[in-house]
Amino acid sequence: MTDYNNESTLKQNPTLHMEALKTAITDGDEEQLKGLLTNEIFDELQKSHLIHLAEETGNSDIVKILKGTPATP
């Protein structure tokens, strides 16, 4: 089982980091999501994908958090 709280593992594996973000979004875990977003900058496509996922879950607080995350064009 993957430890999504292990920051060094997530930094070494970007795919694993994205999966941890998706898990936090679908679980509605705002605190975990905020921790994973620390010092994170997505491109617009990644950010859009995560926002869409959050909108599908119906959690408006998660959507707001993601919309406030910086992204590069």
PDB file of N, CA and C in Angstrom:
ATOM      1  N   MET A   1       0.841  -1.184   0.000  1.00  0.00           N
ATOM      2  CA  MET A   1       0.000   0.000   0.000  1.00  0.00           C
ATOM      3  C   MET A   1       0.884   1.244   0.000  1.00  0.00           C
ATOM      4  N   THR A   2       0.477   2.231  -0.751  1.00  0.00           N
ATOM      5  CA  THR A   2       1.253   3.453  -0.886  1.00  0.00           C
ATOM      6  C   THR A   2       0.946   4.407   0.250  1.00  0.00           C
ATOM      7  N   ASP A   3       1.991   5.011   0.782  1.00  0.00           N
ATOM      8  CA  ASP A   3       1.830   5.995   1.849  1.00  0.00           C
ATOM      9  C   ASP A   3       1.803   7.381   1.219  1.00  0.00           C
ATOM     10  N   TYR A   4       0.590   7.931   1.043  1.00  0.00           N
ATOM     11  CA  TYR A   4       0.454   9.242   0.430  1.00  0.00           C
ATOM     12  C   TYR A   4       0.924  10.362   1.349  1.00  0.00           C
ATOM     13  N   ASN A   5       1.273  10.035   2.576  1.00  0.00           N
ATOM     14  CA  ASN A   5       1.793  11.040   3.500  1.00  0.00           C
ATOM     15  C   ASN A   5       3.311  11.125   3.441  1.00  0.00           C
ATOM     16  N   ASN A   6       3.952  10.222   2.726  1.00  0.00           N
ATOM     17  CA  ASN A   6       5.398  10.217   2.621  1.00  0.00           C
ATOM     18  C   ASN A   6       5.810  11.196   1.527  1.00  0.00           C
ATOM     19  N   GLU A   7       6.185  12.399   1.937  1.00  0.00           N
ATOM     20  CA  GLU A   7       6.473  13.477   1.011  1.00  0.00           C
ATOM     21  C   GLU A   7       7.621  13.166   0.062  1.00  0.00           C
ATOM     22  N   SER A   8       8.676  12.511   0.535  1.00  0.00           N
ATOM     23  CA  SER A   8       9.816  12.221  -0.331  1.00  0.00           C
ATOM     24  C   SER A   8       9.440  11.240  -1.432  1.00  0.00           C
ATOM     25  N   THR A   9       8.595  10.271  -1.128  1.00  0.00           N
ATOM     26  CA  THR A   9       8.144   9.319  -2.140  1.00  0.00           C
ATOM     27  C   THR A   9       7.326  10.028  -3.211  1.00  0.00           C
ATOM     28  N   LEU A  10       6.461  10.927  -2.797  1.00  0.00           N
ATOM     29  CA  LEU A  10       5.614  11.646  -3.745  1.00  0.00           C
ATOM     30  C   LEU A  10       6.423  12.575  -4.633  1.00  0.00           C
ATOM     31  N   LYS A  11       7.442  13.223  -4.097  1.00  0.00           N
ATOM     32  CA  LYS A  11       8.275  14.123  -4.892  1.00  0.00           C
ATOM     33  C   LYS A  11       9.082  13.365  -5.931  1.00  0.00           C
ATOM     34  N   GLN A  12       9.466  12.148  -5.619  1.00  0.00           N
ATOM     35  CA  GLN A  12      10.271  11.348  -6.541  1.00  0.00           C
ATOM     36  C   GLN A  12       9.426  10.743  -7.649  1.00  0.00           C
ATOM     37  N   ASN A  13       8.124  10.668  -7.458  1.00  0.00           N
ATOM     38  CA  ASN A  13       7.250  10.026  -8.425  1.00  0.00           C
ATOM     39  C   ASN A  13       6.052  10.916  -8.730  1.00  0.00           C
ATOM     40  N   PRO A  14       6.136  11.727  -9.790  1.00  0.00           N
ATOM     41  CA  PRO A  14       5.045  12.650 -10.120  1.00  0.00           C
ATOM     42  C   PRO A  14       3.710  11.952 -10.383  1.00  0.00           C
ATOM     43  N   THR A  15       3.740  10.768 -10.954  1.00  0.00           N
ATOM     44  CA  THR A  15       2.505  10.031 -11.213  1.00  0.00           C
ATOM     45  C   THR A  15       1.834   9.657  -9.903  1.00  0.00           C
ATOM     46  N   LEU A  16       2.635   9.220  -8.950  1.00  0.00           N
ATOM     47  CA  LEU A  16       2.111   8.864  -7.633  1.00  0.00           C
ATOM     48  C   LEU A  16       1.524  10.094  -6.946  1.00  0.00           C
ATOM     49  N   HIS A  17       2.179  11.244  -7.121  1.00  0.00           N
ATOM     50  CA  HIS A  17       1.696  12.490  -6.532  1.00  0.00           C
ATOM     51  C   HIS A  17       0.324  12.847  -7.111  1.00  0.00           C
ATOM     52  N   MET A  18       0.160  12.696  -8.416  1.00  0.00           N
ATOM     53  CA  MET A  18      -1.128  12.996  -9.049  1.00  0.00           C
ATOM     54  C   MET A  18      -2.200  12.031  -8.552  1.00  0.00           C
ATOM     55  N   GLU A  19      -1.852  10.778  -8.368  1.00  0.00           N
ATOM     56  CA  GLU A  19      -2.821   9.808  -7.847  1.00  0.00           C
ATOM     57  C   GLU A  19      -3.227  10.162  -6.415  1.00  0.00           C
ATOM     58  N   ALA A  20      -2.277  10.645  -5.629  1.00  0.00           N
ATOM     59  CA  ALA A  20      -2.589  11.062  -4.258  1.00  0.00           C
ATOM     60  C   ALA A  20      -3.548  12.253  -4.276  1.00  0.00           C
ATOM     61  N   LEU A  21      -3.327  13.190  -5.204  1.00  0.00           N
ATOM     62  CA  LEU A  21      -4.234  14.332  -5.343  1.00  0.00           C
ATOM     63  C   LEU A  21      -5.640  13.870  -5.708  1.00  0.00           C
ATOM     64  N   LYS A  22      -5.729  12.974  -6.675  1.00  0.00           N
ATOM     65  CA  LYS A  22      -7.040  12.472  -7.097  1.00  0.00           C
ATOM     66  C   LYS A  22      -7.749  11.751  -5.952  1.00  0.00           C
ATOM     67  N   THR A  23      -7.000  10.990  -5.175  1.00  0.00           N
ATOM     68  CA  THR A  23      -7.587  10.277  -4.041  1.00  0.00           C
ATOM     69  C   THR A  23      -8.123  11.263  -3.007  1.00  0.00           C
ATOM     70  N   ALA A  24      -7.350  12.288  -2.701  1.00  0.00           N
ATOM     71  CA  ALA A  24      -7.796  13.295  -1.732  1.00  0.00           C
ATOM     72  C   ALA A  24      -9.049  14.002  -2.237  1.00  0.00           C
ATOM     73  N   ILE A  25      -9.110  14.273  -3.530  1.00  0.00           N
ATOM     74  CA  ILE A  25     -10.280  14.945  -4.106  1.00  0.00           C
ATOM     75  C   ILE A  25     -11.504  14.049  -4.008  1.00  0.00           C
ATOM     76  N   THR A  26     -11.387  12.810  -4.445  1.00  0.00           N
ATOM     77  CA  THR A  26     -12.553  11.917  -4.438  1.00  0.00           C
ATOM     78  C   THR A  26     -12.991  11.559  -3.025  1.00  0.00           C
ATOM     79  N   ASP A  27     -12.041  11.544  -2.082  1.00  0.00           N
ATOM     80  CA  ASP A  27     -12.386  11.268  -0.687  1.00  0.00           C
ATOM     81  C   ASP A  27     -12.918  12.505   0.036  1.00  0.00           C
ATOM     82  N   GLY A  28     -12.773  13.681  -0.588  1.00  0.00           N
ATOM     83  CA  GLY A  28     -13.211  14.924   0.051  1.00  0.00           C
ATOM     84  C   GLY A  28     -12.330  15.332   1.213  1.00  0.00           C
ATOM     85  N   ASP A  29     -11.067  14.909   1.189  1.00  0.00           N
ATOM     86  CA  ASP A  29     -10.129  15.178   2.275  1.00  0.00           C
ATOM     87  C   ASP A  29      -9.410  16.511   2.028  1.00  0.00           C
ATOM     88  N   GLU A  30      -9.998  17.578   2.538  1.00  0.00           N
ATOM     89  CA  GLU A  30      -9.459  18.920   2.307  1.00  0.00           C
ATOM     90  C   GLU A  30      -8.066  19.117   2.897  1.00  0.00           C
ATOM     91  N   GLU A  31      -7.842  18.619   4.084  1.00  0.00           N
ATOM     92  CA  GLU A  31      -6.538  18.799   4.731  1.00  0.00           C
ATOM     93  C   GLU A  31      -5.431  18.075   3.965  1.00  0.00           C
ATOM     94  N   GLN A  32      -5.719  16.851   3.538  1.00  0.00           N
ATOM     95  CA  GLN A  32      -4.741  16.096   2.750  1.00  0.00           C
ATOM     96  C   GLN A  32      -4.467  16.821   1.438  1.00  0.00           C
ATOM     97  N   LEU A  33      -5.525  17.311   0.795  1.00  0.00           N
ATOM     98  CA  LEU A  33      -5.379  18.024  -0.463  1.00  0.00           C
ATOM     99  C   LEU A  33      -4.520  19.273  -0.290  1.00  0.00           C
ATOM    100  N   LYS A  34      -4.805  20.049   0.736  1.00  0.00           N
ATOM    101  CA  LYS A  34      -4.014  21.260   0.989  1.00  0.00           C
ATOM    102  C   LYS A  34      -2.540  20.921   1.188  1.00  0.00           C
ATOM    103  N   GLY A  35      -2.265  19.836   1.916  1.00  0.00           N
ATOM    104  CA  GLY A  35      -0.888  19.412   2.123  1.00  0.00           C
ATOM    105  C   GLY A  35      -0.203  19.013   0.828  1.00  0.00           C
ATOM    106  N   LEU A  36      -0.932  18.332  -0.030  1.00  0.00           N
ATOM    107  CA  LEU A  36      -0.372  17.900  -1.310  1.00  0.00           C
ATOM    108  C   LEU A  36      -0.173  19.066  -2.275  1.00  0.00           C
ATOM    109  N   LEU A  37      -0.950  20.126  -2.117  1.00  0.00           N
ATOM    110  CA  LEU A  37      -0.854  21.283  -3.012  1.00  0.00           C
ATOM    111  C   LEU A  37       0.231  22.274  -2.596  1.00  0.00           C
ATOM    112  N   THR A  38       0.800  22.102  -1.432  1.00  0.00           N
ATOM    113  CA  THR A  38       1.836  23.015  -0.951  1.00  0.00           C
ATOM    114  C   THR A  38       2.990  23.066  -1.950  1.00  0.00           C
ATOM    115  N   ASN A  39       3.330  24.280  -2.382  1.00  0.00           N
ATOM    116  CA  ASN A  39       4.427  24.513  -3.325  1.00  0.00           C
ATOM    117  C   ASN A  39       4.213  23.823  -4.668  1.00  0.00           C
ATOM    118  N   GLU A  40       2.973  23.574  -5.039  1.00  0.00           N
ATOM    119  CA  GLU A  40       2.652  22.895  -6.294  1.00  0.00           C
ATOM    120  C   GLU A  40       2.129  23.898  -7.308  1.00  0.00           C
ATOM    121  N   ILE A  41       2.649  23.838  -8.531  1.00  0.00           N
ATOM    122  CA  ILE A  41       2.147  24.658  -9.621  1.00  0.00           C
ATOM    123  C   ILE A  41       1.868  23.714 -10.788  1.00  0.00           C
ATOM    124  N   PHE A  42       0.616  23.713 -11.237  1.00  0.00           N
ATOM    125  CA  PHE A  42       0.206  22.848 -12.332  1.00  0.00           C
ATOM    126  C   PHE A  42       0.206  23.619 -13.633  1.00  0.00           C
ATOM    127  N   ASP A  43       0.126  22.891 -14.742  1.00  0.00           N
ATOM    128  CA  ASP A  43      -0.193  23.578 -15.987  1.00  0.00           C
ATOM    129  C   ASP A  43      -1.717  23.652 -16.055  1.00  0.00           C
ATOM    130  N   GLU A  44      -2.235  24.463 -16.945  1.00  0.00           N
ATOM    131  CA  GLU A  44      -3.687  24.700 -17.009  1.00  0.00           C
ATOM    132  C   GLU A  44      -4.467  23.411 -17.261  1.00  0.00           C
ATOM    133  N   LEU A  45      -3.923  22.505 -18.059  1.00  0.00           N
ATOM    134  CA  LEU A  45      -4.620  21.260 -18.360  1.00  0.00           C
ATOM    135  C   LEU A  45      -4.755  20.381 -17.123  1.00  0.00           C
ATOM    136  N   GLN A  46      -3.677  20.258 -16.353  1.00  0.00           N
ATOM    137  CA  GLN A  46      -3.728  19.473 -15.114  1.00  0.00           C
ATOM    138  C   GLN A  46      -4.745  20.068 -14.145  1.00  0.00           C
ATOM    139  N   LYS A  47      -4.664  21.372 -13.977  1.00  0.00           N
ATOM    140  CA  LYS A  47      -5.558  22.055 -13.051  1.00  0.00           C
ATOM    141  C   LYS A  47      -7.011  21.862 -13.483  1.00  0.00           C
ATOM    142  N   SER A  48      -7.285  22.011 -14.763  1.00  0.00           N
ATOM    143  CA  SER A  48      -8.632  21.838 -15.283  1.00  0.00           C
ATOM    144  C   SER A  48      -9.142  20.427 -15.022  1.00  0.00           C
ATOM    145  N   HIS A  49      -8.292  19.446 -15.225  1.00  0.00           N
ATOM    146  CA  HIS A  49      -8.664  18.050 -14.985  1.00  0.00           C
ATOM    147  C   HIS A  49      -9.037  17.825 -13.515  1.00  0.00           C
ATOM    148  N   LEU A  50      -8.234  18.348 -12.610  1.00  0.00           N
ATOM    149  CA  LEU A  50      -8.498  18.178 -11.179  1.00  0.00           C
ATOM    150  C   LEU A  50      -9.782  18.901 -10.757  1.00  0.00           C
ATOM    151  N   ILE A  51     -10.012  20.085 -11.309  1.00  0.00           N
ATOM    152  CA  ILE A  51     -11.234  20.828 -10.997  1.00  0.00           C
ATOM    153  C   ILE A  51     -12.450  20.051 -11.501  1.00  0.00           C
ATOM    154  N   HIS A  52     -12.360  19.510 -12.696  1.00  0.00           N
ATOM    155  CA  HIS A  52     -13.459  18.720 -13.244  1.00  0.00           C
ATOM    156  C   HIS A  52     -13.755  17.519 -12.349  1.00  0.00           C
ATOM    157  N   LEU A  53     -12.715  16.847 -11.895  1.00  0.00           N
ATOM    158  CA  LEU A  53     -12.890  15.712 -10.990  1.00  0.00           C
ATOM    159  C   LEU A  53     -13.592  16.153  -9.710  1.00  0.00           C
ATOM    160  N   ALA A  54     -13.170  17.278  -9.161  1.00  0.00           N
ATOM    161  CA  ALA A  54     -13.780  17.790  -7.928  1.00  0.00           C
ATOM    162  C   ALA A  54     -15.237  18.177  -8.151  1.00  0.00           C
ATOM    163  N   GLU A  55     -15.539  18.754  -9.301  1.00  0.00           N
ATOM    164  CA  GLU A  55     -16.921  19.125  -9.604  1.00  0.00           C
ATOM    165  C   GLU A  55     -17.809  17.883  -9.690  1.00  0.00           C
ATOM    166  N   GLU A  56     -17.261  16.803 -10.208  1.00  0.00           N
ATOM    167  CA  GLU A  56     -18.026  15.553 -10.294  1.00  0.00           C
ATOM    168  C   GLU A  56     -18.355  14.993  -8.912  1.00  0.00           C
ATOM    169  N   THR A  57     -17.497  15.250  -7.934  1.00  0.00           N
ATOM    170  CA  THR A  57     -17.756  14.753  -6.582  1.00  0.00           C
ATOM    171  C   THR A  57     -18.772  15.628  -5.853  1.00  0.00           C
ATOM    172  N   GLY A  58     -18.975  16.850  -6.348  1.00  0.00           N
ATOM    173  CA  GLY A  58     -19.963  17.732  -5.750  1.00  0.00           C
ATOM    174  C   GLY A  58     -19.480  18.464  -4.512  1.00  0.00           C
ATOM    175  N   ASN A  59     -18.170  18.461  -4.259  1.00  0.00           N
ATOM    176  CA  ASN A  59     -17.631  19.134  -3.076  1.00  0.00           C
ATOM    177  C   ASN A  59     -17.146  20.530  -3.471  1.00  0.00           C
ATOM    178  N   SER A  60     -17.971  21.533  -3.197  1.00  0.00           N
ATOM    179  CA  SER A  60     -17.641  22.897  -3.614  1.00  0.00           C
ATOM    180  C   SER A  60     -16.405  23.452  -2.901  1.00  0.00           C
ATOM    181  N   ASP A  61     -16.135  23.005  -1.686  1.00  0.00           N
ATOM    182  CA  ASP A  61     -14.945  23.474  -0.971  1.00  0.00           C
ATOM    183  C   ASP A  61     -13.667  22.991  -1.661  1.00  0.00           C
ATOM    184  N   ILE A  62     -13.672  21.760  -2.121  1.00  0.00           N
ATOM    185  CA  ILE A  62     -12.514  21.210  -2.847  1.00  0.00           C
ATOM    186  C   ILE A  62     -12.336  21.968  -4.165  1.00  0.00           C
ATOM    187  N   VAL A  63     -13.441  22.265  -4.844  1.00  0.00           N
ATOM    188  CA  VAL A  63     -13.380  23.012  -6.103  1.00  0.00           C
ATOM    189  C   VAL A  63     -12.746  24.382  -5.862  1.00  0.00           C
ATOM    190  N   LYS A  64     -13.153  25.062  -4.802  1.00  0.00           N
ATOM    191  CA  LYS A  64     -12.594  26.382  -4.475  1.00  0.00           C
ATOM    192  C   LYS A  64     -11.098  26.298  -4.204  1.00  0.00           C
ATOM    193  N   ILE A  65     -10.685  25.279  -3.471  1.00  0.00           N
ATOM    194  CA  ILE A  65      -9.256  25.101  -3.171  1.00  0.00           C
ATOM    195  C   ILE A  65      -8.475  24.941  -4.472  1.00  0.00           C
ATOM    196  N   LEU A  66      -8.967  24.096  -5.352  1.00  0.00           N
ATOM    197  CA  LEU A  66      -8.272  23.840  -6.613  1.00  0.00           C
ATOM    198  C   LEU A  66      -8.262  25.062  -7.519  1.00  0.00           C
ATOM    199  N   LYS A  67      -9.359  25.806  -7.567  1.00  0.00           N
ATOM    200  CA  LYS A  67      -9.399  26.998  -8.404  1.00  0.00           C
ATOM    201  C   LYS A  67      -8.413  28.053  -7.908  1.00  0.00           C
ATOM    202  N   GLY A  68      -8.087  28.024  -6.627  1.00  0.00           N
ATOM    203  CA  GLY A  68      -7.136  28.974  -6.070  1.00  0.00           C
ATOM    204  C   GLY A  68      -5.693  28.540  -6.212  1.00  0.00           C
ATOM    205  N   THR A  69      -5.472  27.375  -6.775  1.00  0.00           N
ATOM    206  CA  THR A  69      -4.113  26.854  -6.952  1.00  0.00           C
ATOM    207  C   THR A  69      -3.480  27.484  -8.183  1.00  0.00           C
ATOM    208  N   PRO A  70      -2.227  27.938  -8.090  1.00  0.00           N
ATOM    209  CA  PRO A  70      -1.575  28.562  -9.246  1.00  0.00           C
ATOM    210  C   PRO A  70      -1.363  27.562 -10.376  1.00  0.00           C
ATOM    211  N   ALA A  71      -1.381  28.097 -11.595  1.00  0.00           N
ATOM    212  CA  ALA A  71      -1.132  27.272 -12.778  1.00  0.00           C
ATOM    213  C   ALA A  71      -0.375  28.098 -13.816  1.00  0.00           C
ATOM    214  N   THR A  72       0.388  27.396 -14.614  1.00  0.00           N
ATOM    215  CA  THR A  72       1.109  28.056 -15.703  1.00  0.00           C
ATOM    216  C   THR A  72       0.331  27.861 -16.992  1.00  0.00           C
ATOM    217  N   PRO A  73       0.401  28.842 -17.890  1.00  0.00           N
ATOM    218  CA  PRO A  73      -0.329  28.713 -19.168  1.00  0.00           C
ATOM    219  C   PRO A  73       0.248  27.636 -20.063  1.00  0.00           C
TER     220      PRO A  73
END
